[in-house]
């Protein structure tokens, strides 16, 4: 079996280390990109959720306003009817 000279062995391991470091750098970069996308998605989801909550609150307030107006109108009509019936 032929022996590989130490200088060639050192070059191979240097090349392997370089490849490993490059790959590690690429993986870190990909992970950072995924984390950035996930953070953007979280922010977008939170923003949409806040908009929906605002719309729900506005709908609730509108419903309360219209129901209260209906109740006041019915009471007014009832009082008007009582007034005409008692005269």
C-alpha atoms as a PDB file:
ATOM      1  CA  UNK A   1       0.000   0.000   0.000  1.00  0.00           C
ATOM      2  CA  UNK A   2       1.367   3.381  -0.994  1.00  0.00           C
ATOM      3  CA  UNK A   3       1.834   5.977   1.685  1.00  0.00           C
ATOM      4  CA  UNK A   4       0.512   9.470   1.126  1.00  0.00           C
ATOM      5  CA  UNK A   5       3.120  12.119   1.837  1.00  0.00           C
ATOM      6  CA  UNK A   6       2.421  14.301   4.853  1.00  0.00           C
ATOM      7  CA  UNK A   7       2.216  17.507   2.757  1.00  0.00           C
ATOM      8  CA  UNK A   8      -0.513  16.030   0.541  1.00  0.00           C
ATOM      9  CA  UNK A   9      -2.359  14.747   3.617  1.00  0.00           C
ATOM     10  CA  UNK A  10      -2.148  18.240   5.124  1.00  0.00           C
ATOM     11  CA  UNK A  11      -3.530  19.767   1.912  1.00  0.00           C
ATOM     12  CA  UNK A  12      -6.443  17.317   1.878  1.00  0.00           C
ATOM     13  CA  UNK A  13      -7.338  18.049   5.456  1.00  0.00           C
ATOM     14  CA  UNK A  14      -6.997  21.814   4.824  1.00  0.00           C
ATOM     15  CA  UNK A  15      -9.255  21.473   1.804  1.00  0.00           C
ATOM     16  CA  UNK A  16     -11.730  19.425   3.828  1.00  0.00           C
ATOM     17  CA  UNK A  17     -11.685  21.995   6.625  1.00  0.00           C
ATOM     18  CA  UNK A  18     -12.273  24.768   4.111  1.00  0.00           C
ATOM     19  CA  UNK A  19     -15.200  22.867   2.571  1.00  0.00           C
ATOM     20  CA  UNK A  20     -16.617  22.170   6.022  1.00  0.00           C
ATOM     21  CA  UNK A  21     -16.326  25.812   7.030  1.00  0.00           C
ATOM     22  CA  UNK A  22     -17.937  26.961   3.778  1.00  0.00           C
ATOM     23  CA  UNK A  23     -20.783  24.505   4.241  1.00  0.00           C
ATOM     24  CA  UNK A  24     -21.214  25.619   7.847  1.00  0.00           C
ATOM     25  CA  UNK A  25     -21.383  29.229   6.673  1.00  0.00           C
ATOM     26  CA  UNK A  26     -23.996  28.365   4.031  1.00  0.00           C
ATOM     27  CA  UNK A  27     -26.078  26.505   6.594  1.00  0.00           C
ATOM     28  CA  UNK A  28     -25.921  29.439   9.019  1.00  0.00           C
ATOM     29  CA  UNK A  29     -26.971  31.768   6.214  1.00  0.00           C
ATOM     30  CA  UNK A  30     -29.898  29.537   5.254  1.00  0.00           C
ATOM     31  CA  UNK A  31     -30.962  29.251   8.891  1.00  0.00           C
ATOM     32  CA  UNK A  32     -30.853  33.046   9.269  1.00  0.00           C
ATOM     33  CA  UNK A  33     -32.961  33.478   6.130  1.00  0.00           C
ATOM     34  CA  UNK A  34     -35.531  31.000   7.450  1.00  0.00           C
ATOM     35  CA  UNK A  35     -35.621  32.758  10.822  1.00  0.00           C
ATOM     36  CA  UNK A  36     -36.083  36.110   9.080  1.00  0.00           C
ATOM     37  CA  UNK A  37     -38.953  34.711   6.992  1.00  0.00           C
ATOM     38  CA  UNK A  38     -40.540  33.190  10.092  1.00  0.00           C
ATOM     39  CA  UNK A  39     -40.259  36.499  11.933  1.00  0.00           C
ATOM     40  CA  UNK A  40     -41.842  38.327   8.980  1.00  0.00           C
ATOM     41  CA  UNK A  41     -44.664  35.796   8.880  1.00  0.00           C
ATOM     42  CA  UNK A  42     -45.233  36.177  12.635  1.00  0.00           C
ATOM     43  CA  UNK A  43     -45.368  39.966  12.310  1.00  0.00           C
ATOM     44  CA  UNK A  44     -47.750  39.735   9.353  1.00  0.00           C
ATOM     45  CA  UNK A  45     -49.982  37.300  11.236  1.00  0.00           C
ATOM     46  CA  UNK A  46     -50.003  39.518  14.323  1.00  0.00           C
ATOM     47  CA  UNK A  47     -50.861  42.556  12.205  1.00  0.00           C
ATOM     48  CA  UNK A  48     -53.747  40.743  10.493  1.00  0.00           C
ATOM     49  CA  UNK A  49     -54.962  39.456  13.838  1.00  0.00           C
ATOM     50  CA  UNK A  50     -54.922  42.979  15.261  1.00  0.00           C
ATOM     51  CA  UNK A  51     -56.928  44.189  12.246  1.00  0.00           C
ATOM     52  CA  UNK A  52     -59.485  41.426  12.768  1.00  0.00           C
ATOM     53  CA  UNK A  53     -59.803  42.272  16.466  1.00  0.00           C
ATOM     54  CA  UNK A  54     -60.370  45.914  15.556  1.00  0.00           C
ATOM     55  CA  UNK A  55     -63.056  44.951  13.036  1.00  0.00           C
ATOM     56  CA  UNK A  56     -64.768  42.691  15.582  1.00  0.00           C
ATOM     57  CA  UNK A  57     -64.779  45.461  18.177  1.00  0.00           C
ATOM     58  CA  UNK A  58     -66.205  47.898  15.625  1.00  0.00           C
ATOM     59  CA  UNK A  59     -68.927  45.380  14.713  1.00  0.00           C
ATOM     60  CA  UNK A  60     -69.767  44.839  18.386  1.00  0.00           C
ATOM     61  CA  UNK A  61     -70.064  48.579  18.978  1.00  0.00           C
ATOM     62  CA  UNK A  62     -72.255  48.992  15.889  1.00  0.00           C
ATOM     63  CA  UNK A  63     -74.521  46.158  17.066  1.00  0.00           C
ATOM     64  CA  UNK A  64     -74.840  47.689  20.514  1.00  0.00           C
ATOM     65  CA  UNK A  65     -75.545  51.102  19.003  1.00  0.00           C
ATOM     66  CA  UNK A  66     -78.275  49.790  16.662  1.00  0.00           C
ATOM     67  CA  UNK A  67     -79.859  47.613  19.358  1.00  0.00           C
ATOM     68  CA  UNK A  68     -79.931  50.510  21.782  1.00  0.00           C
ATOM     69  CA  UNK A  69     -81.456  52.791  19.116  1.00  0.00           C
ATOM     70  CA  UNK A  70     -84.113  50.160  18.389  1.00  0.00           C
ATOM     71  CA  UNK A  71     -84.913  49.823  22.082  1.00  0.00           C
ATOM     72  CA  UNK A  72     -85.244  53.595  22.499  1.00  0.00           C
ATOM     73  CA  UNK A  73     -87.451  53.783  19.385  1.00  0.00           C
ATOM     74  CA  UNK A  74     -89.731  51.011  20.687  1.00  0.00           C
ATOM     75  CA  UNK A  75     -89.973  52.707  24.085  1.00  0.00           C
ATOM     76  CA  UNK A  76     -90.829  56.009  22.404  1.00  0.00           C
ATOM     77  CA  UNK A  77     -93.549  54.365  20.318  1.00  0.00           C
ATOM     78  CA  UNK A  78     -94.895  52.618  23.394  1.00  0.00           C
ATOM     79  CA  UNK A  79     -95.005  55.848  25.394  1.00  0.00           C
ATOM     80  CA  UNK A  80     -96.678  57.589  22.443  1.00  0.00           C
ATOM     81  CA  UNK A  81     -99.310  54.843  22.248  1.00  0.00           C
ATOM     82  CA  UNK A  82     -99.953  55.068  26.002  1.00  0.00           C
ATOM     83  CA  UNK A  83    -100.339  58.843  25.755  1.00  0.00           C
ATOM     84  CA  UNK A  84    -102.892  58.590  22.957  1.00  0.00           C
ATOM     85  CA  UNK A  85    -104.810  55.820  24.727  1.00  0.00           C
ATOM     86  CA  UNK A  86    -105.054  57.758  27.994  1.00  0.00           C
ATOM     87  CA  UNK A  87    -106.410  60.962  26.449  1.00  0.00           C
END
